[in-house]
């Protein structure tokens, strides 16, 4: 099976399905931070597809969809349009929002799976 970049319409349907199952506090946070889907760069992983879909912004962090790993992540950014950290979590949007809300409430960053590394 060949990998293909995730389309905007597919992503919108996925987001809608996950928002429907969010708990009220998570949905409230989502409604505050969501932005229209826009592709941001993350070199070198996003080069082939034109970037990754950013769907939320809070402070200096973005909520984005990693279509290579099939999951949502929360990463730092330094400049608009460029994600600064690659994570390969395979979280549903509602789980990413729960982790982000927990980070806000407790001050602890959620667990993150790092970028791929070469086999030794």
N, C-alpha and C. Protein backbone atom coordinates (compact mmCIF):
# COMPACT_ATOMS: atom_id res chain seq x y z
N UNK A 1 0.84 -1.17 0.00
CA UNK A 1 0.00 0.00 0.00
C UNK A 1 0.89 1.24 0.00
N UNK A 2 0.62 2.17 -0.88
CA UNK A 2 1.38 3.40 -0.97
C UNK A 2 0.76 4.48 -0.10
N UNK A 3 1.61 5.29 0.48
CA UNK A 3 1.15 6.40 1.31
C UNK A 3 0.73 7.54 0.41
N UNK A 4 -0.36 8.22 0.79
CA UNK A 4 -0.80 9.41 0.08
C UNK A 4 -1.16 10.47 1.11
N UNK A 5 -0.86 11.74 0.86
CA UNK A 5 -1.21 12.79 1.81
C UNK A 5 -2.71 12.82 2.08
N UNK A 6 -3.06 13.18 3.28
CA UNK A 6 -4.46 13.25 3.72
C UNK A 6 -5.09 14.51 3.16
N UNK A 7 -6.28 14.38 2.63
CA UNK A 7 -6.98 15.52 2.05
C UNK A 7 -7.72 16.35 3.08
N UNK A 8 -8.01 17.58 2.73
CA UNK A 8 -8.68 18.52 3.63
C UNK A 8 -10.09 18.04 3.99
N UNK A 9 -10.84 17.53 3.02
CA UNK A 9 -12.21 17.06 3.29
C UNK A 9 -12.21 15.84 4.21
N UNK A 10 -11.26 14.92 3.99
CA UNK A 10 -11.15 13.75 4.85
C UNK A 10 -10.85 14.16 6.29
N UNK A 11 -9.96 15.12 6.43
CA UNK A 11 -9.59 15.59 7.76
C UNK A 11 -10.77 16.25 8.45
N UNK A 12 -11.53 17.05 7.73
CA UNK A 12 -12.70 17.72 8.31
C UNK A 12 -13.70 16.70 8.83
N UNK A 13 -13.93 15.63 8.08
CA UNK A 13 -14.85 14.58 8.53
C UNK A 13 -14.32 13.89 9.78
N UNK A 14 -13.01 13.62 9.83
CA UNK A 14 -12.42 12.98 10.99
C UNK A 14 -12.55 13.87 12.22
N UNK A 15 -12.29 15.16 12.05
CA UNK A 15 -12.39 16.10 13.16
C UNK A 15 -13.82 16.15 13.68
N UNK A 16 -14.78 16.29 12.79
CA UNK A 16 -16.19 16.34 13.21
C UNK A 16 -16.58 15.11 14.02
N UNK A 17 -16.15 13.94 13.59
CA UNK A 17 -16.47 12.70 14.30
C UNK A 17 -15.88 12.67 15.70
N UNK A 18 -14.66 13.21 15.86
CA UNK A 18 -14.02 13.19 17.17
C UNK A 18 -14.55 14.29 18.09
N UNK A 19 -14.95 15.43 17.52
CA UNK A 19 -15.54 16.50 18.33
C UNK A 19 -16.85 16.00 18.93
N UNK A 20 -17.60 15.19 18.19
CA UNK A 20 -18.87 14.66 18.68
C UNK A 20 -18.72 13.82 19.94
N UNK A 21 -17.56 13.20 20.15
CA UNK A 21 -17.37 12.34 21.32
C UNK A 21 -16.53 13.00 22.43
N UNK A 22 -16.14 14.26 22.22
CA UNK A 22 -15.35 14.95 23.25
C UNK A 22 -16.19 15.24 24.48
N UNK A 23 -15.55 15.17 25.64
CA UNK A 23 -16.20 15.61 26.87
C UNK A 23 -16.30 17.12 26.83
N UNK A 24 -17.23 17.68 27.58
CA UNK A 24 -17.52 19.12 27.53
C UNK A 24 -16.29 20.00 27.74
N UNK A 25 -15.43 19.75 28.74
CA UNK A 25 -14.25 20.62 28.92
C UNK A 25 -13.30 20.56 27.72
N UNK A 26 -13.13 19.37 27.16
CA UNK A 26 -12.25 19.21 25.99
C UNK A 26 -12.83 19.96 24.78
N UNK A 27 -14.15 19.85 24.59
CA UNK A 27 -14.80 20.54 23.48
C UNK A 27 -14.71 22.05 23.65
N UNK A 28 -14.84 22.53 24.88
CA UNK A 28 -14.73 23.97 25.13
C UNK A 28 -13.33 24.46 24.76
N UNK A 29 -12.30 23.72 25.15
CA UNK A 29 -10.94 24.09 24.78
C UNK A 29 -10.77 24.05 23.27
N UNK A 30 -11.26 22.99 22.63
CA UNK A 30 -11.17 22.87 21.18
C UNK A 30 -11.80 24.09 20.50
N UNK A 31 -12.97 24.49 20.96
CA UNK A 31 -13.65 25.63 20.35
C UNK A 31 -12.87 26.94 20.50
N UNK A 32 -12.04 27.03 21.51
CA UNK A 32 -11.21 28.22 21.70
C UNK A 32 -9.95 28.23 20.84
N UNK A 33 -9.39 27.07 20.57
CA UNK A 33 -8.08 27.03 19.90
C UNK A 33 -8.14 26.63 18.43
N UNK A 34 -9.26 26.11 17.98
CA UNK A 34 -9.32 25.61 16.59
C UNK A 34 -9.13 26.74 15.59
N UNK A 35 -8.53 26.39 14.48
CA UNK A 35 -8.30 27.32 13.38
C UNK A 35 -8.69 26.61 12.09
N UNK A 36 -8.97 27.36 11.04
CA UNK A 36 -9.19 26.69 9.75
C UNK A 36 -7.97 25.85 9.39
N UNK A 37 -8.19 24.67 8.88
CA UNK A 37 -7.10 23.75 8.52
C UNK A 37 -6.15 24.43 7.55
N UNK A 38 -4.87 24.39 7.89
CA UNK A 38 -3.86 25.00 7.03
C UNK A 38 -2.58 24.16 7.13
N UNK A 39 -1.90 24.00 6.01
CA UNK A 39 -0.66 23.21 6.03
C UNK A 39 0.50 24.08 6.49
N UNK A 40 1.26 23.53 7.44
CA UNK A 40 2.49 24.14 7.93
C UNK A 40 3.64 23.19 7.59
N UNK A 41 4.82 23.75 7.43
CA UNK A 41 6.01 22.98 7.09
C UNK A 41 6.61 22.32 8.34
N UNK A 42 7.21 21.17 8.12
CA UNK A 42 8.01 20.49 9.13
C UNK A 42 9.03 19.64 8.38
N UNK A 43 10.19 20.23 8.18
CA UNK A 43 11.25 19.59 7.40
C UNK A 43 11.94 18.52 8.23
N UNK A 44 12.29 17.39 7.67
CA UNK A 44 12.10 16.93 6.30
C UNK A 44 10.83 16.10 6.11
N UNK A 45 10.14 15.76 7.21
CA UNK A 45 9.04 14.80 7.15
C UNK A 45 7.86 15.28 6.30
N UNK A 46 7.56 16.56 6.32
CA UNK A 46 6.41 17.06 5.57
C UNK A 46 6.72 17.54 4.17
N UNK A 47 7.97 17.41 3.75
CA UNK A 47 8.37 17.96 2.45
C UNK A 47 7.59 17.35 1.28
N UNK A 48 7.42 16.05 1.29
CA UNK A 48 6.78 15.37 0.16
C UNK A 48 5.31 15.76 -0.01
N UNK A 49 4.63 16.06 1.09
CA UNK A 49 3.18 16.33 1.03
C UNK A 49 2.85 17.81 1.12
N UNK A 50 3.85 18.67 1.17
CA UNK A 50 3.58 20.10 1.31
C UNK A 50 3.32 20.54 2.73
N UNK A 51 3.62 19.68 3.69
CA UNK A 51 3.46 20.01 5.10
C UNK A 51 2.39 19.16 5.78
N UNK A 52 2.09 19.54 7.02
CA UNK A 52 1.09 18.83 7.83
C UNK A 52 -0.05 19.79 8.14
N UNK A 53 -1.24 19.25 8.34
CA UNK A 53 -2.41 20.06 8.63
C UNK A 53 -2.40 20.53 10.08
N UNK A 54 -2.32 21.83 10.29
CA UNK A 54 -2.49 22.44 11.61
C UNK A 54 -3.97 22.75 11.76
N UNK A 55 -4.53 22.36 12.92
CA UNK A 55 -5.97 22.55 13.15
C UNK A 55 -6.27 23.37 14.40
N UNK A 56 -5.25 23.64 15.22
CA UNK A 56 -5.45 24.42 16.44
C UNK A 56 -4.16 25.10 16.85
N UNK A 57 -4.31 26.27 17.49
CA UNK A 57 -3.15 27.01 18.00
C UNK A 57 -3.48 27.49 19.40
N UNK A 58 -2.54 27.26 20.32
CA UNK A 58 -2.67 27.76 21.68
C UNK A 58 -1.27 28.20 22.14
N UNK A 59 -1.14 29.47 22.42
CA UNK A 59 0.17 30.00 22.81
C UNK A 59 1.18 29.73 21.72
N UNK A 60 2.29 29.07 22.08
CA UNK A 60 3.35 28.74 21.12
C UNK A 60 3.30 27.27 20.71
N UNK A 61 2.10 26.69 20.78
CA UNK A 61 1.92 25.29 20.39
C UNK A 61 0.83 25.17 19.33
N UNK A 62 0.98 24.17 18.48
CA UNK A 62 -0.03 23.87 17.48
C UNK A 62 -0.53 22.45 17.67
N UNK A 63 -1.80 22.25 17.35
CA UNK A 63 -2.38 20.92 17.26
C UNK A 63 -2.38 20.59 15.77
N UNK A 64 -1.76 19.48 15.40
CA UNK A 64 -1.62 19.15 13.98
C UNK A 64 -1.83 17.67 13.75
N UNK A 65 -2.19 17.36 12.50
CA UNK A 65 -2.44 15.98 12.12
C UNK A 65 -1.25 15.43 11.34
N UNK A 66 -0.68 14.35 11.86
CA UNK A 66 0.43 13.66 11.20
C UNK A 66 -0.16 12.55 10.35
N UNK A 67 -0.28 12.80 9.06
CA UNK A 67 -0.88 11.79 8.18
C UNK A 67 0.07 10.65 7.84
N UNK A 68 1.33 10.78 8.19
CA UNK A 68 2.27 9.67 8.03
C UNK A 68 1.99 8.62 9.11
N UNK A 69 1.78 9.09 10.34
CA UNK A 69 1.55 8.21 11.48
C UNK A 69 0.07 8.02 11.81
N UNK A 70 -0.80 8.81 11.17
CA UNK A 70 -2.24 8.73 11.37
C UNK A 70 -2.63 9.10 12.80
N UNK A 71 -2.25 10.32 13.22
CA UNK A 71 -2.64 10.75 14.55
C UNK A 71 -2.37 12.23 14.76
N UNK A 72 -3.01 12.77 15.80
CA UNK A 72 -2.86 14.18 16.15
C UNK A 72 -1.74 14.35 17.17
N UNK A 73 -1.07 15.49 17.09
CA UNK A 73 0.05 15.81 17.96
C UNK A 73 -0.04 17.26 18.40
N UNK A 74 0.63 17.58 19.49
CA UNK A 74 0.77 18.96 19.95
C UNK A 74 2.27 19.25 19.95
N UNK A 75 2.65 20.28 19.19
CA UNK A 75 4.07 20.61 19.06
C UNK A 75 4.29 22.10 19.21
N UNK A 76 5.50 22.45 19.59
CA UNK A 76 5.93 23.83 19.69
C UNK A 76 6.14 24.40 18.29
N UNK A 77 5.96 25.70 18.16
CA UNK A 77 6.36 26.38 16.93
C UNK A 77 7.05 27.67 17.31
N UNK A 78 8.00 28.08 16.49
CA UNK A 78 8.74 29.32 16.72
C UNK A 78 8.29 30.42 15.77
N UNK A 79 7.92 30.03 14.55
CA UNK A 79 7.46 30.98 13.54
C UNK A 79 6.19 30.42 12.91
N UNK A 80 5.23 31.29 12.67
CA UNK A 80 3.99 30.86 12.04
C UNK A 80 4.30 30.19 10.71
N UNK A 81 3.65 29.05 10.47
CA UNK A 81 3.86 28.32 9.23
C UNK A 81 4.89 27.21 9.32
N UNK A 82 5.57 27.11 10.48
CA UNK A 82 6.61 26.09 10.65
C UNK A 82 6.48 25.39 12.00
N UNK A 83 6.18 24.11 11.96
CA UNK A 83 6.13 23.30 13.18
C UNK A 83 7.57 23.00 13.59
N UNK A 84 7.90 23.17 14.86
CA UNK A 84 9.29 23.03 15.32
C UNK A 84 9.64 21.62 15.79
N UNK A 85 8.63 20.79 16.11
CA UNK A 85 8.92 19.48 16.68
C UNK A 85 8.09 18.41 15.97
N UNK A 86 8.74 17.34 15.58
CA UNK A 86 8.04 16.20 14.98
C UNK A 86 7.73 15.20 16.08
N UNK A 87 6.47 14.84 16.20
CA UNK A 87 6.05 13.77 17.10
C UNK A 87 5.26 12.78 16.28
N UNK A 88 5.31 11.53 16.65
CA UNK A 88 4.60 10.52 15.88
C UNK A 88 3.55 9.79 16.73
N UNK A 89 2.91 10.54 17.65
CA UNK A 89 1.80 9.96 18.39
C UNK A 89 0.68 9.63 17.41
N UNK A 90 -0.09 8.65 17.76
CA UNK A 90 -1.21 8.24 16.91
C UNK A 90 -2.53 8.52 17.64
N UNK A 91 -2.63 9.69 18.26
CA UNK A 91 -3.79 10.05 19.06
C UNK A 91 -4.97 10.50 18.21
N UNK A 92 -6.16 10.14 18.65
CA UNK A 92 -7.38 10.73 18.10
C UNK A 92 -7.42 12.18 18.60
N UNK A 93 -8.15 13.03 17.91
CA UNK A 93 -8.22 14.44 18.29
C UNK A 93 -8.73 14.60 19.72
N UNK A 94 -9.75 13.85 20.10
CA UNK A 94 -10.28 13.99 21.46
C UNK A 94 -9.26 13.60 22.51
N UNK A 95 -8.39 12.65 22.22
CA UNK A 95 -7.34 12.28 23.18
C UNK A 95 -6.25 13.36 23.24
N UNK A 96 -5.92 13.95 22.09
CA UNK A 96 -4.95 15.05 22.09
C UNK A 96 -5.48 16.25 22.88
N UNK A 97 -6.79 16.52 22.76
CA UNK A 97 -7.38 17.63 23.51
C UNK A 97 -7.39 17.33 25.00
N UNK A 98 -7.67 16.09 25.39
CA UNK A 98 -7.65 15.69 26.80
C UNK A 98 -6.25 15.88 27.37
N UNK A 99 -5.22 15.47 26.61
CA UNK A 99 -3.83 15.61 27.07
C UNK A 99 -3.45 17.09 27.18
N UNK A 100 -3.88 17.90 26.23
CA UNK A 100 -3.58 19.33 26.27
C UNK A 100 -4.26 19.99 27.46
N UNK A 101 -5.51 19.65 27.72
CA UNK A 101 -6.21 20.21 28.87
C UNK A 101 -5.53 19.78 30.17
N UNK A 102 -5.08 18.55 30.24
CA UNK A 102 -4.34 18.07 31.41
C UNK A 102 -3.05 18.84 31.59
N UNK A 103 -2.37 19.14 30.47
CA UNK A 103 -1.14 19.93 30.54
C UNK A 103 -1.43 21.32 31.10
N UNK A 104 -2.52 21.92 30.68
CA UNK A 104 -2.89 23.25 31.19
C UNK A 104 -3.21 23.18 32.67
N UNK A 105 -3.98 22.18 33.08
CA UNK A 105 -4.41 22.07 34.47
C UNK A 105 -3.29 21.66 35.41
N UNK A 106 -2.42 20.73 34.96
CA UNK A 106 -1.39 20.17 35.84
C UNK A 106 0.02 20.68 35.56
N UNK A 107 0.20 21.32 34.42
CA UNK A 107 1.53 21.82 34.07
C UNK A 107 2.49 20.74 33.61
N UNK A 108 1.96 19.57 33.27
CA UNK A 108 2.82 18.47 32.84
C UNK A 108 2.57 18.18 31.37
N UNK A 109 3.62 18.13 30.58
CA UNK A 109 3.49 17.81 29.16
C UNK A 109 3.07 16.36 29.00
N UNK A 110 2.20 16.09 28.03
CA UNK A 110 1.78 14.70 27.78
C UNK A 110 2.93 13.88 27.22
N UNK A 111 2.80 12.57 27.30
CA UNK A 111 3.80 11.69 26.71
C UNK A 111 3.85 11.88 25.20
N UNK A 112 5.05 11.84 24.67
CA UNK A 112 5.23 12.05 23.24
C UNK A 112 6.16 11.00 22.68
N UNK A 113 5.83 10.56 21.49
CA UNK A 113 6.69 9.62 20.78
C UNK A 113 7.53 10.40 19.79
N UNK A 114 8.84 10.26 19.88
CA UNK A 114 9.76 11.07 19.08
C UNK A 114 9.83 10.68 17.62
N UNK A 115 10.64 11.46 16.89
CA UNK A 115 10.76 11.21 15.45
C UNK A 115 11.44 9.87 15.17
N UNK A 116 11.25 9.36 13.95
CA UNK A 116 11.89 8.11 13.60
C UNK A 116 13.40 8.25 13.66
N UNK A 117 14.05 7.16 14.02
CA UNK A 117 15.50 7.14 14.08
C UNK A 117 15.99 5.96 13.24
N UNK A 118 17.18 6.11 12.65
CA UNK A 118 17.71 5.00 11.84
C UNK A 118 18.00 3.76 12.71
N UNK A 119 17.80 2.60 12.10
CA UNK A 119 18.13 1.35 12.78
C UNK A 119 19.65 1.22 12.86
N UNK A 120 20.13 0.67 13.95
CA UNK A 120 21.57 0.52 14.11
C UNK A 120 22.00 -0.88 13.86
